[in-house]
Amino acid sequence: MGQDHGRLDSKVIVQHIFSMVKADPTISIRVLQGGVVNHFCCKASYRMVWLAKQRVIARIYGDWEESYNELPRWLFAMQMYFSGTWVQLVTQPWPGSTDIVIFHRVFWTFSLC
C-alpha cells in the first residue's frame, strides 16, 4: 500500500468523506484515514485528510470569516425580535495591526434574565 498517491489529493478525499463528516462532524482524522485506505487502497497523510475535513466543514457550515461577518447581524436580529435583549460583542486589535480587529467574546441576555 503506497502513501500519498499522486492522484489522491484533498479534493478527491473531500468527495469521499463528505457524507461521513456531515453525519458526524466530530469524527476523528484517524477514522477518516481508515475510510480512505479501505476505499482507495492507498494511505493518505494525516495532514491531507485533516485539510480535506476542514474543507468539508467549511462547505457544510461556512468558513470562519463568513461566520464572523454574520455575527453582528444575528445579534442585532436578536435585539429586534426579543425585546429587552442586551448584547455585547467585544473585539480586540490584531497584534501588530491598528486596522484589523478579531473576535474576543460575545455576551447576551434576555429581558427575563
PDB file of N, CA and C in Angstrom:
ATOM      1  N   MET A   1       0.854  -1.181   0.000  1.00  0.00           N
ATOM      2  CA  MET A   1       0.000   0.000   0.000  1.00  0.00           C
ATOM      3  C   MET A   1       0.890   1.232   0.000  1.00  0.00           C
ATOM      4  N   GLY A   2       0.736   2.055  -0.994  1.00  0.00           N
ATOM      5  CA  GLY A   2       1.537   3.262  -1.097  1.00  0.00           C
ATOM      6  C   GLY A   2       0.978   4.391  -0.248  1.00  0.00           C
ATOM      7  N   GLN A   3       1.793   5.402  -0.062  1.00  0.00           N
ATOM      8  CA  GLN A   3       1.336   6.586   0.670  1.00  0.00           C
ATOM      9  C   GLN A   3       1.366   7.777  -0.260  1.00  0.00           C
ATOM     10  N   ASP A   4       0.332   8.650  -0.108  1.00  0.00           N
ATOM     11  CA  ASP A   4       0.232   9.882  -0.889  1.00  0.00           C
ATOM     12  C   ASP A   4       0.323   9.627  -2.387  1.00  0.00           C
ATOM     13  N   HIS A   5      -0.595   8.835  -2.899  1.00  0.00           N
ATOM     14  CA  HIS A   5      -0.682   8.586  -4.332  1.00  0.00           C
ATOM     15  C   HIS A   5      -0.858   9.921  -5.052  1.00  0.00           C
ATOM     16  N   GLY A   6      -0.242  10.056  -6.208  1.00  0.00           N
ATOM     17  CA  GLY A   6      -0.250  11.318  -6.943  1.00  0.00           C
ATOM     18  C   GLY A   6      -1.630  11.841  -7.285  1.00  0.00           C
ATOM     19  N   ARG A   7      -2.584  10.966  -7.550  1.00  0.00           N
ATOM     20  CA  ARG A   7      -3.930  11.395  -7.925  1.00  0.00           C
ATOM     21  C   ARG A   7      -4.881  11.471  -6.733  1.00  0.00           C
ATOM     22  N   LEU A   8      -4.423  11.033  -5.580  1.00  0.00           N
ATOM     23  CA  LEU A   8      -5.260  11.082  -4.383  1.00  0.00           C
ATOM     24  C   LEU A   8      -4.984  12.398  -3.660  1.00  0.00           C
ATOM     25  N   ASP A   9      -5.650  13.460  -4.121  1.00  0.00           N
ATOM     26  CA  ASP A   9      -5.457  14.759  -3.487  1.00  0.00           C
ATOM     27  C   ASP A   9      -6.627  15.058  -2.558  1.00  0.00           C
ATOM     28  N   SER A  10      -6.562  16.188  -1.900  1.00  0.00           N
ATOM     29  CA  SER A  10      -7.588  16.506  -0.904  1.00  0.00           C
ATOM     30  C   SER A  10      -8.969  16.695  -1.533  1.00  0.00           C
ATOM     31  N   LYS A  11      -9.042  17.095  -2.804  1.00  0.00           N
ATOM     32  CA  LYS A  11     -10.345  17.248  -3.465  1.00  0.00           C
ATOM     33  C   LYS A  11     -11.051  15.901  -3.605  1.00  0.00           C
ATOM     34  N   VAL A  12     -10.302  14.878  -3.943  1.00  0.00           N
ATOM     35  CA  VAL A  12     -10.865  13.533  -4.062  1.00  0.00           C
ATOM     36  C   VAL A  12     -11.281  13.032  -2.679  1.00  0.00           C
ATOM     37  N   ILE A  13     -10.460  13.294  -1.689  1.00  0.00           N
ATOM     38  CA  ILE A  13     -10.770  12.862  -0.323  1.00  0.00           C
ATOM     39  C   ILE A  13     -12.003  13.591   0.184  1.00  0.00           C
ATOM     40  N   VAL A  14     -12.150  14.876  -0.140  1.00  0.00           N
ATOM     41  CA  VAL A  14     -13.336  15.646   0.266  1.00  0.00           C
ATOM     42  C   VAL A  14     -14.597  14.956  -0.233  1.00  0.00           C
ATOM     43  N   GLN A  15     -14.609  14.555  -1.474  1.00  0.00           N
ATOM     44  CA  GLN A  15     -15.790  13.893  -2.035  1.00  0.00           C
ATOM     45  C   GLN A  15     -16.093  12.596  -1.301  1.00  0.00           C
ATOM     46  N   HIS A  16     -15.048  11.874  -0.938  1.00  0.00           N
ATOM     47  CA  HIS A  16     -15.247  10.585  -0.275  1.00  0.00           C
ATOM     48  C   HIS A  16     -15.727  10.745   1.175  1.00  0.00           C
ATOM     49  N   ILE A  17     -15.184  11.701   1.921  1.00  0.00           N
ATOM     50  CA  ILE A  17     -15.505  11.811   3.352  1.00  0.00           C
ATOM     51  C   ILE A  17     -16.673  12.739   3.646  1.00  0.00           C
ATOM     52  N   PHE A  18     -17.216  13.407   2.626  1.00  0.00           N
ATOM     53  CA  PHE A  18     -18.262  14.403   2.853  1.00  0.00           C
ATOM     54  C   PHE A  18     -19.423  13.851   3.671  1.00  0.00           C
ATOM     55  N   SER A  19     -19.963  12.721   3.267  1.00  0.00           N
ATOM     56  CA  SER A  19     -21.130  12.169   3.974  1.00  0.00           C
ATOM     57  C   SER A  19     -20.774  11.727   5.395  1.00  0.00           C
ATOM     58  N   MET A  20     -19.554  11.232   5.600  1.00  0.00           N
ATOM     59  CA  MET A  20     -19.141  10.806   6.942  1.00  0.00           C
ATOM     60  C   MET A  20     -19.045  12.002   7.882  1.00  0.00           C
ATOM     61  N   VAL A  21     -18.459  13.092   7.403  1.00  0.00           N
ATOM     62  CA  VAL A  21     -18.307  14.290   8.230  1.00  0.00           C
ATOM     63  C   VAL A  21     -19.659  14.954   8.459  1.00  0.00           C
ATOM     64  N   LYS A  22     -20.515  14.942   7.457  1.00  0.00           N
ATOM     65  CA  LYS A  22     -21.840  15.536   7.620  1.00  0.00           C
ATOM     66  C   LYS A  22     -22.642  14.769   8.666  1.00  0.00           C
ATOM     67  N   ALA A  23     -22.518  13.451   8.679  1.00  0.00           N
ATOM     68  CA  ALA A  23     -23.226  12.629   9.664  1.00  0.00           C
ATOM     69  C   ALA A  23     -22.662  12.821  11.063  1.00  0.00           C
ATOM     70  N   ASP A  24     -21.340  12.997  11.171  1.00  0.00           N
ATOM     71  CA  ASP A  24     -20.687  13.165  12.479  1.00  0.00           C
ATOM     72  C   ASP A  24     -19.511  14.127  12.337  1.00  0.00           C
ATOM     73  N   PRO A  25     -19.733  15.435  12.586  1.00  0.00           N
ATOM     74  CA  PRO A  25     -18.646  16.411  12.435  1.00  0.00           C
ATOM     75  C   PRO A  25     -17.477  16.195  13.393  1.00  0.00           C
ATOM     76  N   THR A  26     -17.666  15.402  14.439  1.00  0.00           N
ATOM     77  CA  THR A  26     -16.587  15.165  15.393  1.00  0.00           C
ATOM     78  C   THR A  26     -15.771  13.916  15.058  1.00  0.00           C
ATOM     79  N   ILE A  27     -16.047  13.308  13.923  1.00  0.00           N
ATOM     80  CA  ILE A  27     -15.331  12.096  13.529  1.00  0.00           C
ATOM     81  C   ILE A  27     -13.828  12.379  13.484  1.00  0.00           C
ATOM     82  N   SER A  28     -13.050  11.446  13.966  1.00  0.00           N
ATOM     83  CA  SER A  28     -11.602  11.679  14.064  1.00  0.00           C
ATOM     84  C   SER A  28     -10.923  11.528  12.701  1.00  0.00           C
ATOM     85  N   ILE A  29      -9.781  12.146  12.600  1.00  0.00           N
ATOM     86  CA  ILE A  29      -8.990  12.076  11.368  1.00  0.00           C
ATOM     87  C   ILE A  29      -8.520  10.642  11.129  1.00  0.00           C
ATOM     88  N   ARG A  30      -8.173   9.941  12.186  1.00  0.00           N
ATOM     89  CA  ARG A  30      -7.713   8.548  12.055  1.00  0.00           C
ATOM     90  C   ARG A  30      -8.803   7.653  11.459  1.00  0.00           C
ATOM     91  N   VAL A  31     -10.047   7.860  11.879  1.00  0.00           N
ATOM     92  CA  VAL A  31     -11.157   7.079  11.330  1.00  0.00           C
ATOM     93  C   VAL A  31     -11.335   7.420   9.854  1.00  0.00           C
ATOM     94  N   LEU A  32     -11.251   8.692   9.521  1.00  0.00           N
ATOM     95  CA  LEU A  32     -11.355   9.104   8.119  1.00  0.00           C
ATOM     96  C   LEU A  32     -10.211   8.529   7.291  1.00  0.00           C
ATOM     97  N   GLN A  33      -9.008   8.509   7.865  1.00  0.00           N
ATOM     98  CA  GLN A  33      -7.869   7.912   7.157  1.00  0.00           C
ATOM     99  C   GLN A  33      -8.144   6.440   6.860  1.00  0.00           C
ATOM    100  N   GLY A  34      -8.721   5.749   7.834  1.00  0.00           N
ATOM    101  CA  GLY A  34      -9.062   4.337   7.620  1.00  0.00           C
ATOM    102  C   GLY A  34     -10.070   4.170   6.499  1.00  0.00           C
ATOM    103  N   GLY A  35     -11.044   5.072   6.425  1.00  0.00           N
ATOM    104  CA  GLY A  35     -12.017   5.021   5.348  1.00  0.00           C
ATOM    105  C   GLY A  35     -11.377   5.255   3.991  1.00  0.00           C
ATOM    106  N   VAL A  36     -10.399   6.143   3.944  1.00  0.00           N
ATOM    107  CA  VAL A  36      -9.682   6.418   2.689  1.00  0.00           C
ATOM    108  C   VAL A  36      -8.885   5.185   2.271  1.00  0.00           C
ATOM    109  N   VAL A  37      -8.210   4.549   3.226  1.00  0.00           N
ATOM    110  CA  VAL A  37      -7.429   3.345   2.919  1.00  0.00           C
ATOM    111  C   VAL A  37      -8.344   2.241   2.394  1.00  0.00           C
ATOM    112  N   ASN A  38      -9.486   2.039   3.070  1.00  0.00           N
ATOM    113  CA  ASN A  38     -10.408   0.973   2.642  1.00  0.00           C
ATOM    114  C   ASN A  38     -10.985   1.236   1.252  1.00  0.00           C
ATOM    115  N   HIS A  39     -11.260   2.499   0.938  1.00  0.00           N
ATOM    116  CA  HIS A  39     -11.890   2.819  -0.339  1.00  0.00           C
ATOM    117  C   HIS A  39     -10.890   2.889  -1.497  1.00  0.00           C
ATOM    118  N   PHE A  40      -9.753   3.532  -1.268  1.00  0.00           N
ATOM    119  CA  PHE A  40      -8.799   3.771  -2.349  1.00  0.00           C
ATOM    120  C   PHE A  40      -7.604   2.824  -2.343  1.00  0.00           C
ATOM    121  N   CYS A  41      -7.463   2.014  -1.290  1.00  0.00           N
ATOM    122  CA  CYS A  41      -6.296   1.124  -1.144  1.00  0.00           C
ATOM    123  C   CYS A  41      -4.989   1.906  -1.218  1.00  0.00           C
ATOM    124  N   CYS A  42      -5.032   3.089  -0.654  1.00  0.00           N
ATOM    125  CA  CYS A  42      -3.869   3.964  -0.662  1.00  0.00           C
ATOM    126  C   CYS A  42      -3.929   4.820   0.594  1.00  0.00           C
ATOM    127  N   LYS A  43      -2.800   4.935   1.267  1.00  0.00           N
ATOM    128  CA  LYS A  43      -2.772   5.671   2.528  1.00  0.00           C
ATOM    129  C   LYS A  43      -2.563   7.160   2.265  1.00  0.00           C
ATOM    130  N   ALA A  44      -3.417   7.993   2.859  1.00  0.00           N
ATOM    131  CA  ALA A  44      -3.283   9.452   2.764  1.00  0.00           C
ATOM    132  C   ALA A  44      -2.700   9.962   4.071  1.00  0.00           C
ATOM    133  N   SER A  45      -1.909  10.994   3.996  1.00  0.00           N
ATOM    134  CA  SER A  45      -1.283  11.539   5.197  1.00  0.00           C
ATOM    135  C   SER A  45      -2.339  12.158   6.116  1.00  0.00           C
ATOM    136  N   TYR A  46      -1.992  12.234   7.384  1.00  0.00           N
ATOM    137  CA  TYR A  46      -2.868  12.839   8.379  1.00  0.00           C
ATOM    138  C   TYR A  46      -3.199  14.267   7.969  1.00  0.00           C
ATOM    139  N   ARG A  47      -2.193  14.995   7.529  1.00  0.00           N
ATOM    140  CA  ARG A  47      -2.379  16.395   7.137  1.00  0.00           C
ATOM    141  C   ARG A  47      -3.356  16.539   5.967  1.00  0.00           C
ATOM    142  N   MET A  48      -3.226  15.649   4.965  1.00  0.00           N
ATOM    143  CA  MET A  48      -4.096  15.737   3.806  1.00  0.00           C
ATOM    144  C   MET A  48      -5.552  15.462   4.198  1.00  0.00           C
ATOM    145  N   VAL A  49      -5.780  14.484   5.062  1.00  0.00           N
ATOM    146  CA  VAL A  49      -7.133  14.170   5.495  1.00  0.00           C
ATOM    147  C   VAL A  49      -7.670  15.287   6.381  1.00  0.00           C
ATOM    148  N   TRP A  50      -6.812  15.864   7.225  1.00  0.00           N
ATOM    149  CA  TRP A  50      -7.231  16.982   8.074  1.00  0.00           C
ATOM    150  C   TRP A  50      -7.673  18.168   7.208  1.00  0.00           C
ATOM    151  N   LEU A  51      -6.891  18.489   6.179  1.00  0.00           N
ATOM    152  CA  LEU A  51      -7.256  19.580   5.274  1.00  0.00           C
ATOM    153  C   LEU A  51      -8.574  19.290   4.558  1.00  0.00           C
ATOM    154  N   ALA A  52      -8.759  18.049   4.145  1.00  0.00           N
ATOM    155  CA  ALA A  52      -9.999  17.672   3.483  1.00  0.00           C
ATOM    156  C   ALA A  52     -11.181  17.824   4.429  1.00  0.00           C
ATOM    157  N   LYS A  53     -11.013  17.427   5.683  1.00  0.00           N
ATOM    158  CA  LYS A  53     -12.094  17.569   6.660  1.00  0.00           C
ATOM    159  C   LYS A  53     -12.422  19.044   6.882  1.00  0.00           C
ATOM    160  N   GLN A  54     -11.419  19.895   6.939  1.00  0.00           N
ATOM    161  CA  GLN A  54     -11.656  21.329   7.103  1.00  0.00           C
ATOM    162  C   GLN A  54     -12.446  21.893   5.923  1.00  0.00           C
ATOM    163  N   ARG A  55     -12.165  21.419   4.723  1.00  0.00           N
ATOM    164  CA  ARG A  55     -12.914  21.871   3.544  1.00  0.00           C
ATOM    165  C   ARG A  55     -14.366  21.409   3.600  1.00  0.00           C
ATOM    166  N   VAL A  56     -14.581  20.185   4.061  1.00  0.00           N
ATOM    167  CA  VAL A  56     -15.948  19.671   4.188  1.00  0.00           C
ATOM    168  C   VAL A  56     -16.718  20.502   5.205  1.00  0.00           C
ATOM    169  N   ILE A  57     -16.112  20.773   6.341  1.00  0.00           N
ATOM    170  CA  ILE A  57     -16.776  21.567   7.385  1.00  0.00           C
ATOM    171  C   ILE A  57     -17.095  22.966   6.864  1.00  0.00           C
ATOM    172  N   ALA A  58     -16.180  23.555   6.098  1.00  0.00           N
ATOM    173  CA  ALA A  58     -16.433  24.877   5.529  1.00  0.00           C
ATOM    174  C   ALA A  58     -17.580  24.834   4.522  1.00  0.00           C
ATOM    175  N   ARG A  59     -17.692  23.750   3.761  1.00  0.00           N
ATOM    176  CA  ARG A  59     -18.806  23.617   2.821  1.00  0.00           C
ATOM    177  C   ARG A  59     -20.138  23.487   3.544  1.00  0.00           C
ATOM    178  N   ILE A  60     -20.145  22.734   4.624  1.00  0.00           N
ATOM    179  CA  ILE A  60     -21.389  22.479   5.346  1.00  0.00           C
ATOM    180  C   ILE A  60     -21.822  23.695   6.160  1.00  0.00           C
ATOM    181  N   TYR A  61     -20.892  24.249   6.931  1.00  0.00           N
ATOM    182  CA  TYR A  61     -21.227  25.296   7.891  1.00  0.00           C
ATOM    183  C   TYR A  61     -20.764  26.688   7.502  1.00  0.00           C
ATOM    184  N   GLY A  62     -19.988  26.813   6.450  1.00  0.00           N
ATOM    185  CA  GLY A  62     -19.411  28.105   6.091  1.00  0.00           C
ATOM    186  C   GLY A  62     -18.041  28.244   6.745  1.00  0.00           C
ATOM    187  N   ASP A  63     -17.234  29.132   6.207  1.00  0.00           N
ATOM    188  CA  ASP A  63     -15.896  29.292   6.779  1.00  0.00           C
ATOM    189  C   ASP A  63     -15.927  30.269   7.948  1.00  0.00           C
ATOM    190  N   TRP A  64     -14.818  30.370   8.655  1.00  0.00           N
ATOM    191  CA  TRP A  64     -14.736  31.185   9.870  1.00  0.00           C
ATOM    192  C   TRP A  64     -15.013  32.652   9.586  1.00  0.00           C
ATOM    193  N   GLU A  65     -14.420  33.172   8.540  1.00  0.00           N
ATOM    194  CA  GLU A  65     -14.571  34.594   8.228  1.00  0.00           C
ATOM    195  C   GLU A  65     -16.024  34.934   7.888  1.00  0.00           C
ATOM    196  N   GLU A  66     -16.648  34.066   7.114  1.00  0.00           N
ATOM    197  CA  GLU A  66     -18.050  34.265   6.755  1.00  0.00           C
ATOM    198  C   GLU A  66     -18.938  34.253   8.010  1.00  0.00           C
ATOM    199  N   SER A  67     -18.690  33.304   8.903  1.00  0.00           N
ATOM    200  CA  SER A  67     -19.472  33.214  10.136  1.00  0.00           C
ATOM    201  C   SER A  67     -19.250  34.436  11.020  1.00  0.00           C
ATOM    202  N   TYR A  68     -18.012  34.871  11.122  1.00  0.00           N
ATOM    203  CA  TYR A  68     -17.706  36.039  11.940  1.00  0.00           C
ATOM    204  C   TYR A  68     -18.414  37.282  11.400  1.00  0.00           C
ATOM    205  N   ASN A  69     -18.435  37.446  10.093  1.00  0.00           N
ATOM    206  CA  ASN A  69     -19.084  38.610   9.497  1.00  0.00           C
ATOM    207  C   ASN A  69     -20.600  38.585   9.676  1.00  0.00           C
ATOM    208  N   GLU A  70     -21.189  37.418   9.856  1.00  0.00           N
ATOM    209  CA  GLU A  70     -22.630  37.291  10.074  1.00  0.00           C
ATOM    210  C   GLU A  70     -23.023  37.558  11.529  1.00  0.00           C
ATOM    211  N   LEU A  71     -22.094  37.450  12.448  1.00  0.00           N
ATOM    212  CA  LEU A  71     -22.407  37.556  13.876  1.00  0.00           C
ATOM    213  C   LEU A  71     -23.101  38.853  14.272  1.00  0.00           C
ATOM    214  N   PRO A  72     -22.616  40.027  13.883  1.00  0.00           N
ATOM    215  CA  PRO A  72     -23.321  41.254  14.268  1.00  0.00           C
ATOM    216  C   PRO A  72     -24.771  41.295  13.771  1.00  0.00           C
ATOM    217  N   ARG A  73     -25.011  40.775  12.587  1.00  0.00           N
ATOM    218  CA  ARG A  73     -26.366  40.749  12.050  1.00  0.00           C
ATOM    219  C   ARG A  73     -27.290  39.860  12.891  1.00  0.00           C
ATOM    220  N   TRP A  74     -26.791  38.702  13.301  1.00  0.00           N
ATOM    221  CA  TRP A  74     -27.582  37.804  14.143  1.00  0.00           C
ATOM    222  C   TRP A  74     -27.873  38.432  15.501  1.00  0.00           C
ATOM    223  N   LEU A  75     -26.873  39.071  16.069  1.00  0.00           N
ATOM    224  CA  LEU A  75     -27.067  39.713  17.375  1.00  0.00           C
ATOM    225  C   LEU A  75     -28.071  40.858  17.279  1.00  0.00           C
ATOM    226  N   PHE A  76     -27.993  41.620  16.207  1.00  0.00           N
ATOM    227  CA  PHE A  76     -28.949  42.706  16.000  1.00  0.00           C
ATOM    228  C   PHE A  76     -30.367  42.150  15.842  1.00  0.00           C
ATOM    229  N   ALA A  77     -30.506  41.049  15.120  1.00  0.00           N
ATOM    230  CA  ALA A  77     -31.817  40.424  14.939  1.00  0.00           C
ATOM    231  C   ALA A  77     -32.376  39.947  16.281  1.00  0.00           C
ATOM    232  N   MET A  78     -31.520  39.414  17.143  1.00  0.00           N
ATOM    233  CA  MET A  78     -31.993  39.002  18.475  1.00  0.00           C
ATOM    234  C   MET A  78     -32.528  40.200  19.245  1.00  0.00           C
ATOM    235  N   GLN A  79     -31.831  41.313  19.164  1.00  0.00           N
ATOM    236  CA  GLN A  79     -32.289  42.512  19.874  1.00  0.00           C
ATOM    237  C   GLN A  79     -33.599  43.031  19.306  1.00  0.00           C
ATOM    238  N   MET A  80     -33.789  42.909  18.018  1.00  0.00           N
ATOM    239  CA  MET A  80     -35.005  43.416  17.392  1.00  0.00           C
ATOM    240  C   MET A  80     -36.221  42.541  17.713  1.00  0.00           C
ATOM    241  N   TYR A  81     -36.041  41.225  17.718  1.00  0.00           N
ATOM    242  CA  TYR A  81     -37.177  40.321  17.874  1.00  0.00           C
ATOM    243  C   TYR A  81     -37.449  39.916  19.324  1.00  0.00           C
ATOM    244  N   PHE A  82     -36.472  40.033  20.191  1.00  0.00           N
ATOM    245  CA  PHE A  82     -36.650  39.725  21.612  1.00  0.00           C
ATOM    246  C   PHE A  82     -36.454  41.010  22.402  1.00  0.00           C
ATOM    247  N   SER A  83     -37.532  41.708  22.614  1.00  0.00           N
ATOM    248  CA  SER A  83     -37.490  42.996  23.284  1.00  0.00           C
ATOM    249  C   SER A  83     -36.785  42.882  24.637  1.00  0.00           C
ATOM    250  N   GLY A  84     -35.906  43.817  24.907  1.00  0.00           N
ATOM    251  CA  GLY A  84     -35.184  43.837  26.181  1.00  0.00           C
ATOM    252  C   GLY A  84     -33.897  43.039  26.179  1.00  0.00           C
ATOM    253  N   THR A  85     -33.561  42.406  25.068  1.00  0.00           N
ATOM    254  CA  THR A  85     -32.315  41.646  24.985  1.00  0.00           C
ATOM    255  C   THR A  85     -31.135  42.605  24.992  1.00  0.00           C
ATOM    256  N   TRP A  86     -30.126  42.266  25.775  1.00  0.00           N
ATOM    257  CA  TRP A  86     -28.913  43.084  25.857  1.00  0.00           C
ATOM    258  C   TRP A  86     -27.768  42.271  25.261  1.00  0.00           C
ATOM    259  N   VAL A  87     -26.989  42.884  24.371  1.00  0.00           N
ATOM    260  CA  VAL A  87     -25.909  42.203  23.655  1.00  0.00           C
ATOM    261  C   VAL A  87     -24.629  43.013  23.779  1.00  0.00           C
ATOM    262  N   GLN A  88     -23.524  42.297  23.977  1.00  0.00           N
ATOM    263  CA  GLN A  88     -22.211  42.950  23.972  1.00  0.00           C
ATOM    264  C   GLN A  88     -21.255  42.080  23.157  1.00  0.00           C
ATOM    265  N   LEU A  89     -20.754  42.641  22.075  1.00  0.00           N
ATOM    266  CA  LEU A  89     -19.768  41.982  21.221  1.00  0.00           C
ATOM    267  C   LEU A  89     -18.443  42.697  21.438  1.00  0.00           C
ATOM    268  N   VAL A  90     -17.442  41.959  21.881  1.00  0.00           N
ATOM    269  CA  VAL A  90     -16.138  42.556  22.195  1.00  0.00           C
ATOM    270  C   VAL A  90     -15.109  42.039  21.191  1.00  0.00           C
ATOM    271  N   THR A  91     -14.401  42.964  20.580  1.00  0.00           N
ATOM    272  CA  THR A  91     -13.304  42.623  19.682  1.00  0.00           C
ATOM    273  C   THR A  91     -12.026  43.198  20.260  1.00  0.00           C
ATOM    274  N   GLN A  92     -10.918  42.782  19.716  1.00  0.00           N
ATOM    275  CA  GLN A  92      -9.622  43.329  20.131  1.00  0.00           C
ATOM    276  C   GLN A  92      -8.748  43.487  18.905  1.00  0.00           C
ATOM    277  N   PRO A  93      -7.789  44.390  18.952  1.00  0.00           N
ATOM    278  CA  PRO A  93      -6.935  44.602  17.770  1.00  0.00           C
ATOM    279  C   PRO A  93      -6.036  43.395  17.525  1.00  0.00           C
ATOM    280  N   TRP A  94      -5.828  43.135  16.258  1.00  0.00           N
ATOM    281  CA  TRP A  94      -4.891  42.085  15.862  1.00  0.00           C
ATOM    282  C   TRP A  94      -3.490  42.542  16.260  1.00  0.00           C
ATOM    283  N   PRO A  95      -2.698  41.695  16.907  1.00  0.00           N
ATOM    284  CA  PRO A  95      -1.348  42.109  17.325  1.00  0.00           C
ATOM    285  C   PRO A  95      -0.517  42.633  16.159  1.00  0.00           C
ATOM    286  N   GLY A  96       0.000  43.831  16.324  1.00  0.00           N
ATOM    287  CA  GLY A  96       0.837  44.446  15.302  1.00  0.00           C
ATOM    288  C   GLY A  96       0.070  45.194  14.230  1.00  0.00           C
ATOM    289  N   SER A  97      -1.255  45.299  14.372  1.00  0.00           N
ATOM    290  CA  SER A  97      -2.053  45.994  13.369  1.00  0.00           C
ATOM    291  C   SER A  97      -3.013  46.950  14.059  1.00  0.00           C
ATOM    292  N   THR A  98      -3.237  48.082  13.429  1.00  0.00           N
ATOM    293  CA  THR A  98      -4.158  49.061  14.015  1.00  0.00           C
ATOM    294  C   THR A  98      -5.535  49.033  13.366  1.00  0.00           C
ATOM    295  N   ASP A  99      -5.649  48.463  12.159  1.00  0.00           N
ATOM    296  CA  ASP A  99      -6.929  48.499  11.466  1.00  0.00           C
ATOM    297  C   ASP A  99      -7.636  47.141  11.383  1.00  0.00           C
ATOM    298  N   ILE A 100      -7.051  46.099  11.925  1.00  0.00           N
ATOM    299  CA  ILE A 100      -7.675  44.773  11.906  1.00  0.00           C
ATOM    300  C   ILE A 100      -8.073  44.395  13.327  1.00  0.00           C
ATOM    301  N   VAL A 101      -9.326  43.992  13.489  1.00  0.00           N
ATOM    302  CA  VAL A 101      -9.795  43.536  14.803  1.00  0.00           C
ATOM    303  C   VAL A 101     -10.223  42.080  14.694  1.00  0.00           C
ATOM    304  N   ILE A 102     -10.136  41.366  15.823  1.00  0.00           N
ATOM    305  CA  ILE A 102     -10.539  39.965  15.872  1.00  0.00           C
ATOM    306  C   ILE A 102     -11.553  39.772  16.988  1.00  0.00           C
ATOM    307  N   PHE A 103     -12.331  38.743  16.854  1.00  0.00           N
ATOM    308  CA  PHE A 103     -13.348  38.405  17.841  1.00  0.00           C
ATOM    309  C   PHE A 103     -12.680  38.059  19.164  1.00  0.00           C
ATOM    310  N   HIS A 104     -13.217  38.593  20.258  1.00  0.00           N
ATOM    311  CA  HIS A 104     -12.729  38.240  21.584  1.00  0.00           C
ATOM    312  C   HIS A 104     -13.797  37.482  22.361  1.00  0.00           C
ATOM    313  N   ARG A 105     -14.987  38.065  22.480  1.00  0.00           N
ATOM    314  CA  ARG A 105     -16.075  37.377  23.169  1.00  0.00           C
ATOM    315  C   ARG A 105     -17.404  38.050  22.853  1.00  0.00           C
ATOM    316  N   VAL A 106     -18.477  37.323  23.140  1.00  0.00           N
ATOM    317  CA  VAL A 106     -19.818  37.863  22.967  1.00  0.00           C
ATOM    318  C   VAL A 106     -20.637  37.446  24.187  1.00  0.00           C
ATOM    319  N   PHE A 107     -21.529  38.327  24.612  1.00  0.00           N
ATOM    320  CA  PHE A 107     -22.416  38.044  25.730  1.00  0.00           C
ATOM    321  C   PHE A 107     -23.793  38.583  25.366  1.00  0.00           C
ATOM    322  N   TRP A 108     -24.824  37.821  25.697  1.00  0.00           N
ATOM    323  CA  TRP A 108     -26.170  38.331  25.542  1.00  0.00           C
ATOM    324  C   TRP A 108     -27.028  37.782  26.667  1.00  0.00           C
ATOM    325  N   THR A 109     -28.046  38.545  26.990  1.00  0.00           N
ATOM    326  CA  THR A 109     -29.017  38.134  27.993  1.00  0.00           C
ATOM    327  C   THR A 109     -30.383  38.597  27.550  1.00  0.00           C
ATOM    328  N   PHE A 110     -31.381  37.805  27.866  1.00  0.00           N
ATOM    329  CA  PHE A 110     -32.753  38.144  27.522  1.00  0.00           C
ATOM    330  C   PHE A 110     -33.372  38.918  28.672  1.00  0.00           C
ATOM    331  N   SER A 111     -34.428  39.643  28.409  1.00  0.00           N
ATOM    332  CA  SER A 111     -35.005  40.551  29.418  1.00  0.00           C
ATOM    333  C   SER A 111     -35.437  39.823  30.686  1.00  0.00           C
ATOM    334  N   LEU A 112     -35.879  38.604  30.583  1.00  0.00           N
ATOM    335  CA  LEU A 112     -36.314  37.867  31.772  1.00  0.00           C
ATOM    336  C   LEU A 112     -35.156  37.447  32.667  1.00  0.00           C
ATOM    337  N   CYS A 113     -33.947  37.467  32.137  1.00  0.00           N
ATOM    338  CA  CYS A 113     -32.788  37.053  32.915  1.00  0.00           C
ATOM    339  C   CYS A 113     -32.230  38.234  33.685  1.00  0.00           C
TER     340      CYS A 113
END
